[in-house]
Amino acid sequence: MTKDLRKGHRSRLKKKFMMAPHALADYELLELLLFYVFLRKDTKDIAKLLLEHAQSLHKIIFAPNEELEKISGIGNSTIALFKLIQEIFRRISLEKLADRPLIQNDIDAMNYYRTTLAHDTQEKLFVLFLDGNSRLIKEECVQEGSVNNLVIYSEKIIQKALNYGARGIILIHNHPSGNITPSREDISTTRELKKLCKGLNIALLDHFLVGKNGVLSFANKRYL
C-alpha cells in the first residue's frame, strides 16, 4: 500500500468509526487501534494475524505477554498498549464495584474477574477488602504462584484486613488449567480462613474460582 493510499485508508477508517463504531469488524477495530503503534505501516495484516491467533478481541487484549511475543510483528509497544487498555478497564470496573455494597456470589464481581483472569497463565489470589457496609476499601493481589501450586496465606490476608479496617473479604483465584472444580486444599484452607476471620469479627463472604469456562462461587456451592 502506497503512502497516499495508506493515509487515505486510515482517514476513511477513522471516519467510519466515528460515524458508526458498531459497524466495524473486529479486525478493523484492531487495525484502528494499532494505528497508534505503527504510525507509518499498514496494520490490517497484523490485526488479522492477531485475531487468527487468539480468536477473539478479549483474548487478544488480555493475552499474557509471552503469548503476544510469539506473534510476528508484535513488540513491546503493542504489548504496552494492550496492558494500558487492561489497566483502564480494571480501574473503571473497580469504580463500578465500589459504587455499591458487594454481596455473596456478586455477578458484577464474578464477571469482572472472569474477564481479567480467565486466560491468565499464572495462578493468582486476589482479595477484596470491604468495610462495615460491604463497600470496597481495597482490591489487592496478595499472592502469585506457579500453576496448580497456590497456597492461601491466611495470616497475611488477616493482617491486611486488620490494617485496612475491613469487616468483610471476598477471595478470588484462578485455575490456569481452566477447570473450576476446587481442590480439597482450596476448600479446606478457605474454611479455615473463615473460622479465623470470624474470631476477629471479619466476614469471609465468598471465594470465586475463575477458569476459562466460567466462575464458581463457593457460597453458591455451599463450600463455605
C-alpha atoms as a PDB file:
ATOM      1  CA  MET A   1       0.000   0.000   0.000  1.00  0.00           C
ATOM      2  CA  THR A   2       1.455   3.366  -1.052  1.00  0.00           C
ATOM      3  CA  LYS A   3       1.853   6.226   1.393  1.00  0.00           C
ATOM      4  CA  ASP A   4      -1.028   8.224  -0.103  1.00  0.00           C
ATOM      5  CA  LEU A   5      -3.379   5.250  -0.232  1.00  0.00           C
ATOM      6  CA  ARG A   6      -2.437   4.286   3.331  1.00  0.00           C
ATOM      7  CA  LYS A   7      -3.145   7.809   4.543  1.00  0.00           C
ATOM      8  CA  GLY A   8      -6.491   7.788   2.772  1.00  0.00           C
ATOM      9  CA  HIS A   9      -7.363   4.378   4.176  1.00  0.00           C
ATOM     10  CA  ARG A  10      -6.588   5.478   7.727  1.00  0.00           C
ATOM     11  CA  SER A  11      -8.703   8.593   7.344  1.00  0.00           C
ATOM     12  CA  ARG A  12     -11.612   6.602   5.949  1.00  0.00           C
ATOM     13  CA  LEU A  13     -11.422   4.002   8.710  1.00  0.00           C
ATOM     14  CA  LYS A  14     -11.303   6.667  11.423  1.00  0.00           C
ATOM     15  CA  LYS A  15     -14.283   8.437   9.844  1.00  0.00           C
ATOM     16  CA  LYS A  16     -16.205   5.153   9.616  1.00  0.00           C
ATOM     17  CA  PHE A  17     -15.506   4.516  13.293  1.00  0.00           C
ATOM     18  CA  MET A  18     -16.608   7.987  14.375  1.00  0.00           C
ATOM     19  CA  MET A  19     -19.853   7.704  12.405  1.00  0.00           C
ATOM     20  CA  ALA A  20     -20.765   4.089  13.273  1.00  0.00           C
ATOM     21  CA  PRO A  21     -18.327   2.307  15.620  1.00  0.00           C
ATOM     22  CA  HIS A  22     -20.552  -0.777  15.820  1.00  0.00           C
ATOM     23  CA  ALA A  23     -20.282  -1.190  12.044  1.00  0.00           C
ATOM     24  CA  LEU A  24     -16.576  -2.032  12.169  1.00  0.00           C
ATOM     25  CA  ALA A  25     -15.471  -5.653  12.047  1.00  0.00           C
ATOM     26  CA  ASP A  26     -13.269  -6.899  14.874  1.00  0.00           C
ATOM     27  CA  TYR A  27     -10.160  -6.796  12.700  1.00  0.00           C
ATOM     28  CA  GLU A  28     -10.954  -3.182  11.748  1.00  0.00           C
ATOM     29  CA  LEU A  29     -11.149  -2.155  15.404  1.00  0.00           C
ATOM     30  CA  LEU A  30      -7.760  -3.785  15.989  1.00  0.00           C
ATOM     31  CA  GLU A  31      -6.413  -2.219  12.836  1.00  0.00           C
ATOM     32  CA  LEU A  32      -7.533   1.197  14.039  1.00  0.00           C
ATOM     33  CA  LEU A  33      -6.071   0.621  17.496  1.00  0.00           C
ATOM     34  CA  LEU A  34      -2.729  -0.382  16.007  1.00  0.00           C
ATOM     35  CA  PHE A  35      -2.527   2.911  14.094  1.00  0.00           C
ATOM     36  CA  TYR A  36      -1.263   4.371  17.389  1.00  0.00           C
ATOM     37  CA  VAL A  37       1.650   1.928  17.461  1.00  0.00           C
ATOM     38  CA  PHE A  38       2.519   1.625  13.773  1.00  0.00           C
ATOM     39  CA  LEU A  39       2.474   5.217  12.589  1.00  0.00           C
ATOM     40  CA  ARG A  40       3.619   4.532   9.017  1.00  0.00           C
ATOM     41  CA  LYS A  41       2.714   0.922   8.439  1.00  0.00           C
ATOM     42  CA  ASP A  42      -0.345  -0.913   7.160  1.00  0.00           C
ATOM     43  CA  THR A  43      -1.870  -2.636  10.194  1.00  0.00           C
ATOM     44  CA  LYS A  44      -4.583  -4.738   8.569  1.00  0.00           C
ATOM     45  CA  ASP A  45      -2.449  -7.861   8.187  1.00  0.00           C
ATOM     46  CA  ILE A  46      -1.189  -7.649  11.785  1.00  0.00           C
ATOM     47  CA  ALA A  47      -4.750  -7.180  13.068  1.00  0.00           C
ATOM     48  CA  LYS A  48      -5.970 -10.232  11.151  1.00  0.00           C
ATOM     49  CA  LEU A  49      -2.964 -12.255  12.338  1.00  0.00           C
ATOM     50  CA  LEU A  50      -3.771 -11.377  15.955  1.00  0.00           C
ATOM     51  CA  LEU A  51      -7.392 -12.454  15.543  1.00  0.00           C
ATOM     52  CA  GLU A  52      -6.380 -15.657  13.799  1.00  0.00           C
ATOM     53  CA  HIS A  53      -4.051 -16.475  16.682  1.00  0.00           C
ATOM     54  CA  ALA A  54      -6.312 -15.532  19.601  1.00  0.00           C
ATOM     55  CA  GLN A  55      -9.800 -15.969  18.078  1.00  0.00           C
ATOM     56  CA  SER A  56     -11.365 -13.008  19.919  1.00  0.00           C
ATOM     57  CA  LEU A  57     -10.768  -9.394  20.933  1.00  0.00           C
ATOM     58  CA  HIS A  58     -10.975 -10.353  24.591  1.00  0.00           C
ATOM     59  CA  LYS A  59      -8.259 -12.996  24.284  1.00  0.00           C
ATOM     60  CA  ILE A  60      -6.036 -10.550  22.392  1.00  0.00           C
ATOM     61  CA  ILE A  61      -6.302  -7.674  24.844  1.00  0.00           C
ATOM     62  CA  PHE A  62      -5.940  -9.912  27.915  1.00  0.00           C
ATOM     63  CA  ALA A  63      -3.377 -12.309  26.470  1.00  0.00           C
ATOM     64  CA  PRO A  64      -0.236 -12.909  28.562  1.00  0.00           C
ATOM     65  CA  ASN A  65       2.878 -11.135  27.296  1.00  0.00           C
ATOM     66  CA  GLU A  66       4.558 -14.397  26.355  1.00  0.00           C
ATOM     67  CA  GLU A  67       1.662 -15.295  24.042  1.00  0.00           C
ATOM     68  CA  LEU A  68       1.744 -11.947  22.262  1.00  0.00           C
ATOM     69  CA  GLU A  69       5.512 -12.149  21.828  1.00  0.00           C
ATOM     70  CA  LYS A  70       5.046 -15.290  19.717  1.00  0.00           C
ATOM     71  CA  ILE A  71       3.168 -13.329  17.039  1.00  0.00           C
ATOM     72  CA  SER A  72       5.240 -11.907  14.214  1.00  0.00           C
ATOM     73  CA  GLY A  73       5.286  -8.106  14.171  1.00  0.00           C
ATOM     74  CA  ILE A  74       4.177  -7.674  17.806  1.00  0.00           C
ATOM     75  CA  GLY A  75       6.670  -5.848  20.011  1.00  0.00           C
ATOM     76  CA  ASN A  76       6.859  -4.022  23.296  1.00  0.00           C
ATOM     77  CA  SER A  77       4.883  -1.009  22.079  1.00  0.00           C
ATOM     78  CA  THR A  78       1.857  -3.120  21.112  1.00  0.00           C
ATOM     79  CA  ILE A  79       2.012  -5.118  24.342  1.00  0.00           C
ATOM     80  CA  ALA A  80       2.251  -1.883  26.356  1.00  0.00           C
ATOM     81  CA  LEU A  81      -0.851  -0.540  24.566  1.00  0.00           C
ATOM     82  CA  PHE A  82      -2.841  -3.674  25.391  1.00  0.00           C
ATOM     83  CA  LYS A  83      -1.673  -3.513  29.014  1.00  0.00           C
ATOM     84  CA  LEU A  84      -2.794   0.109  29.147  1.00  0.00           C
ATOM     85  CA  ILE A  85      -6.260  -0.902  27.956  1.00  0.00           C
ATOM     86  CA  GLN A  86      -6.335  -3.678  30.561  1.00  0.00           C
ATOM     87  CA  GLU A  87      -5.472  -1.276  33.358  1.00  0.00           C
ATOM     88  CA  ILE A  88      -8.033   1.315  32.258  1.00  0.00           C
ATOM     89  CA  PHE A  89     -10.683  -1.421  32.112  1.00  0.00           C
ATOM     90  CA  ARG A  90      -9.607  -2.661  35.554  1.00  0.00           C
ATOM     91  CA  ARG A  91      -9.916   0.757  37.172  1.00  0.00           C
ATOM     92  CA  ILE A  92     -13.266   1.568  35.557  1.00  0.00           C
ATOM     93  CA  SER A  93     -14.645  -1.821  36.622  1.00  0.00           C
ATOM     94  CA  LEU A  94     -13.407  -1.382  40.194  1.00  0.00           C
ATOM     95  CA  GLU A  95     -15.067   2.039  40.328  1.00  0.00           C
ATOM     96  CA  LYS A  96     -18.330   0.323  39.398  1.00  0.00           C
ATOM     97  CA  LEU A  97     -17.841  -2.305  42.108  1.00  0.00           C
ATOM     98  CA  ALA A  98     -17.047   0.401  44.657  1.00  0.00           C
ATOM     99  CA  ASP A  99     -20.317   2.222  43.940  1.00  0.00           C
ATOM    100  CA  ARG A 100     -22.447  -0.267  45.864  1.00  0.00           C
ATOM    101  CA  PRO A 101     -22.263  -2.958  48.538  1.00  0.00           C
ATOM    102  CA  LEU A 102     -20.711  -6.255  47.435  1.00  0.00           C
ATOM    103  CA  ILE A 103     -22.551  -9.444  48.313  1.00  0.00           C
ATOM    104  CA  GLN A 104     -22.121 -13.199  48.100  1.00  0.00           C
ATOM    105  CA  ASN A 105     -21.970 -14.531  44.523  1.00  0.00           C
ATOM    106  CA  ASP A 106     -21.892 -10.945  43.244  1.00  0.00           C
ATOM    107  CA  ILE A 107     -22.481 -11.170  39.483  1.00  0.00           C
ATOM    108  CA  ASP A 108     -20.586  -7.986  38.540  1.00  0.00           C
ATOM    109  CA  ALA A 109     -17.549  -9.054  40.542  1.00  0.00           C
ATOM    110  CA  MET A 110     -17.638 -12.551  39.059  1.00  0.00           C
ATOM    111  CA  ASN A 111     -17.872 -11.193  35.508  1.00  0.00           C
ATOM    112  CA  TYR A 112     -15.057  -8.738  36.136  1.00  0.00           C
ATOM    113  CA  TYR A 113     -12.652 -11.439  37.292  1.00  0.00           C
ATOM    114  CA  ARG A 114     -13.694 -13.802  34.547  1.00  0.00           C
ATOM    115  CA  THR A 115     -12.708 -11.101  32.059  1.00  0.00           C
ATOM    116  CA  THR A 116      -9.370 -10.279  33.686  1.00  0.00           C
ATOM    117  CA  LEU A 117      -8.209 -13.688  34.975  1.00  0.00           C
ATOM    118  CA  ALA A 118      -9.745 -16.442  32.846  1.00  0.00           C
ATOM    119  CA  HIS A 119      -6.847 -16.601  30.390  1.00  0.00           C
ATOM    120  CA  ASP A 120      -4.004 -15.807  32.776  1.00  0.00           C
ATOM    121  CA  THR A 121      -1.278 -18.471  32.653  1.00  0.00           C
ATOM    122  CA  GLN A 122      -0.186 -17.785  36.225  1.00  0.00           C
ATOM    123  CA  GLU A 123      -2.261 -18.651  39.268  1.00  0.00           C
ATOM    124  CA  LYS A 124      -3.113 -15.573  41.333  1.00  0.00           C
ATOM    125  CA  LEU A 125      -5.005 -14.789  44.501  1.00  0.00           C
ATOM    126  CA  PHE A 126      -6.892 -11.501  44.848  1.00  0.00           C
ATOM    127  CA  VAL A 127      -8.735 -10.243  47.904  1.00  0.00           C
ATOM    128  CA  LEU A 128     -11.486  -7.631  48.036  1.00  0.00           C
ATOM    129  CA  PHE A 129     -11.387  -5.875  51.420  1.00  0.00           C
ATOM    130  CA  LEU A 130     -14.781  -4.449  52.412  1.00  0.00           C
ATOM    131  CA  ASP A 131     -15.954  -2.007  55.066  1.00  0.00           C
ATOM    132  CA  GLY A 132     -18.822  -2.497  57.525  1.00  0.00           C
ATOM    133  CA  ASN A 133     -21.335  -1.671  54.776  1.00  0.00           C
ATOM    134  CA  SER A 134     -19.772  -4.222  52.383  1.00  0.00           C
ATOM    135  CA  ARG A 135     -18.322  -1.467  50.202  1.00  0.00           C
ATOM    136  CA  LEU A 136     -14.936  -1.910  48.602  1.00  0.00           C
ATOM    137  CA  ILE A 137     -11.985  -0.461  50.514  1.00  0.00           C
ATOM    138  CA  LYS A 138      -9.201  -2.069  48.518  1.00  0.00           C
ATOM    139  CA  GLU A 139      -8.540  -4.749  45.922  1.00  0.00           C
ATOM    140  CA  GLU A 140      -5.175  -6.413  46.223  1.00  0.00           C
ATOM    141  CA  CYS A 141      -3.311  -9.302  44.634  1.00  0.00           C
ATOM    142  CA  VAL A 142      -1.845 -10.983  47.718  1.00  0.00           C
ATOM    143  CA  GLN A 143      -0.123 -13.888  46.011  1.00  0.00           C
ATOM    144  CA  GLU A 144       1.118 -15.157  42.676  1.00  0.00           C
ATOM    145  CA  GLY A 145       2.155 -18.776  42.323  1.00  0.00           C
ATOM    146  CA  SER A 146       3.020 -21.414  39.791  1.00  0.00           C
ATOM    147  CA  VAL A 147       0.227 -23.305  38.055  1.00  0.00           C
ATOM    148  CA  ASN A 148      -1.677 -25.555  40.469  1.00  0.00           C
ATOM    149  CA  ASN A 149       0.596 -24.581  43.335  1.00  0.00           C
ATOM    150  CA  LEU A 150      -1.212 -21.771  45.126  1.00  0.00           C
ATOM    151  CA  VAL A 151      -1.241 -21.738  48.909  1.00  0.00           C
ATOM    152  CA  ILE A 152      -3.558 -19.330  50.701  1.00  0.00           C
ATOM    153  CA  TYR A 153      -1.633 -17.386  53.315  1.00  0.00           C
ATOM    154  CA  SER A 154      -4.302 -16.828  55.945  1.00  0.00           C
ATOM    155  CA  GLU A 155      -2.157 -14.770  58.307  1.00  0.00           C
ATOM    156  CA  LYS A 156      -1.139 -12.408  55.504  1.00  0.00           C
ATOM    157  CA  ILE A 157      -4.755 -11.866  54.454  1.00  0.00           C
ATOM    158  CA  ILE A 158      -5.949 -11.294  58.011  1.00  0.00           C
ATOM    159  CA  GLN A 159      -3.145  -8.827  58.727  1.00  0.00           C
ATOM    160  CA  LYS A 160      -4.043  -6.815  55.642  1.00  0.00           C
ATOM    161  CA  ALA A 161      -7.729  -6.897  56.596  1.00  0.00           C
ATOM    162  CA  LEU A 162      -6.872  -5.523  60.033  1.00  0.00           C
ATOM    163  CA  ASN A 163      -4.615  -2.855  58.506  1.00  0.00           C
ATOM    164  CA  TYR A 164      -7.429  -1.702  56.214  1.00  0.00           C
ATOM    165  CA  GLY A 165     -10.055  -1.888  58.954  1.00  0.00           C
ATOM    166  CA  ALA A 166     -12.000  -4.376  56.817  1.00  0.00           C
ATOM    167  CA  ARG A 167     -15.117  -6.059  58.111  1.00  0.00           C
ATOM    168  CA  GLY A 168     -15.574  -8.368  55.155  1.00  0.00           C
ATOM    169  CA  ILE A 169     -13.469 -10.037  52.462  1.00  0.00           C
ATOM    170  CA  ILE A 170     -14.030 -11.859  49.184  1.00  0.00           C
ATOM    171  CA  LEU A 171     -11.334 -14.160  47.792  1.00  0.00           C
ATOM    172  CA  ILE A 172     -10.715 -14.649  44.077  1.00  0.00           C
ATOM    173  CA  HIS A 173      -8.240 -17.013  42.482  1.00  0.00           C
ATOM    174  CA  ASN A 174      -7.837 -18.566  39.070  1.00  0.00           C
ATOM    175  CA  HIS A 175      -7.039 -22.025  37.760  1.00  0.00           C
ATOM    176  CA  PRO A 176      -4.980 -21.607  34.547  1.00  0.00           C
ATOM    177  CA  SER A 177      -5.920 -25.180  33.632  1.00  0.00           C
ATOM    178  CA  GLY A 178      -9.449 -23.866  33.051  1.00  0.00           C
ATOM    179  CA  ASN A 179     -11.012 -26.326  35.494  1.00  0.00           C
ATOM    180  CA  ILE A 180     -13.165 -24.557  38.081  1.00  0.00           C
ATOM    181  CA  THR A 181     -13.591 -27.565  40.338  1.00  0.00           C
ATOM    182  CA  PRO A 182     -11.996 -26.587  43.660  1.00  0.00           C
ATOM    183  CA  SER A 183      -9.318 -28.819  45.115  1.00  0.00           C
ATOM    184  CA  ARG A 184      -9.601 -30.231  48.630  1.00  0.00           C
ATOM    185  CA  GLU A 185      -6.920 -27.724  49.638  1.00  0.00           C
ATOM    186  CA  ASP A 186      -8.950 -24.853  48.145  1.00  0.00           C
ATOM    187  CA  ILE A 187     -11.955 -25.839  50.261  1.00  0.00           C
ATOM    188  CA  SER A 188     -10.120 -26.656  53.483  1.00  0.00           C
ATOM    189  CA  THR A 189      -7.955 -23.510  53.505  1.00  0.00           C
ATOM    190  CA  THR A 190     -10.964 -21.331  52.725  1.00  0.00           C
ATOM    191  CA  ARG A 191     -12.958 -22.845  55.597  1.00  0.00           C
ATOM    192  CA  GLU A 192     -10.021 -22.427  57.962  1.00  0.00           C
ATOM    193  CA  LEU A 193      -9.631 -18.799  56.940  1.00  0.00           C
ATOM    194  CA  LYS A 194     -13.356 -18.238  57.509  1.00  0.00           C
ATOM    195  CA  LYS A 195     -13.020 -19.532  61.087  1.00  0.00           C
ATOM    196  CA  LEU A 196     -10.037 -17.292  61.777  1.00  0.00           C
ATOM    197  CA  CYS A 197     -11.828 -14.263  60.320  1.00  0.00           C
ATOM    198  CA  LYS A 198     -14.982 -14.929  62.331  1.00  0.00           C
ATOM    199  CA  GLY A 199     -12.961 -14.773  65.543  1.00  0.00           C
ATOM    200  CA  LEU A 200     -11.882 -11.253  64.559  1.00  0.00           C
ATOM    201  CA  ASN A 201     -15.388 -10.117  63.520  1.00  0.00           C
ATOM    202  CA  ILE A 202     -14.467 -10.237  59.825  1.00  0.00           C
ATOM    203  CA  ALA A 203     -16.863 -11.981  57.413  1.00  0.00           C
ATOM    204  CA  LEU A 204     -15.498 -14.117  54.581  1.00  0.00           C
ATOM    205  CA  LEU A 205     -18.379 -13.601  52.156  1.00  0.00           C
ATOM    206  CA  ASP A 206     -17.278 -15.694  49.201  1.00  0.00           C
ATOM    207  CA  HIS A 207     -14.442 -17.259  47.278  1.00  0.00           C
ATOM    208  CA  PHE A 208     -14.577 -17.107  43.467  1.00  0.00           C
ATOM    209  CA  LEU A 209     -12.691 -19.703  41.437  1.00  0.00           C
ATOM    210  CA  VAL A 210     -12.066 -18.470  37.898  1.00  0.00           C
ATOM    211  CA  GLY A 211     -11.421 -20.593  34.814  1.00  0.00           C
ATOM    212  CA  LYS A 212     -11.758 -20.348  31.054  1.00  0.00           C
ATOM    213  CA  ASN A 213     -15.280 -21.767  31.174  1.00  0.00           C
ATOM    214  CA  GLY A 214     -16.742 -19.712  33.985  1.00  0.00           C
ATOM    215  CA  VAL A 215     -16.610 -18.687  37.628  1.00  0.00           C
ATOM    216  CA  LEU A 216     -17.542 -20.848  40.618  1.00  0.00           C
ATOM    217  CA  SER A 217     -18.868 -19.249  43.794  1.00  0.00           C
ATOM    218  CA  PHE A 218     -18.005 -21.154  46.976  1.00  0.00           C
ATOM    219  CA  ALA A 219     -21.049 -19.579  48.617  1.00  0.00           C
ATOM    220  CA  ASN A 220     -23.339 -20.845  45.856  1.00  0.00           C
ATOM    221  CA  LYS A 221     -21.914 -24.368  46.157  1.00  0.00           C
ATOM    222  CA  ARG A 222     -22.069 -24.281  49.969  1.00  0.00           C
ATOM    223  CA  TYR A 223     -18.324 -24.856  50.295  1.00  0.00           C
ATOM    224  CA  LEU A 224     -18.141 -22.102  52.909  1.00  0.00           C
END
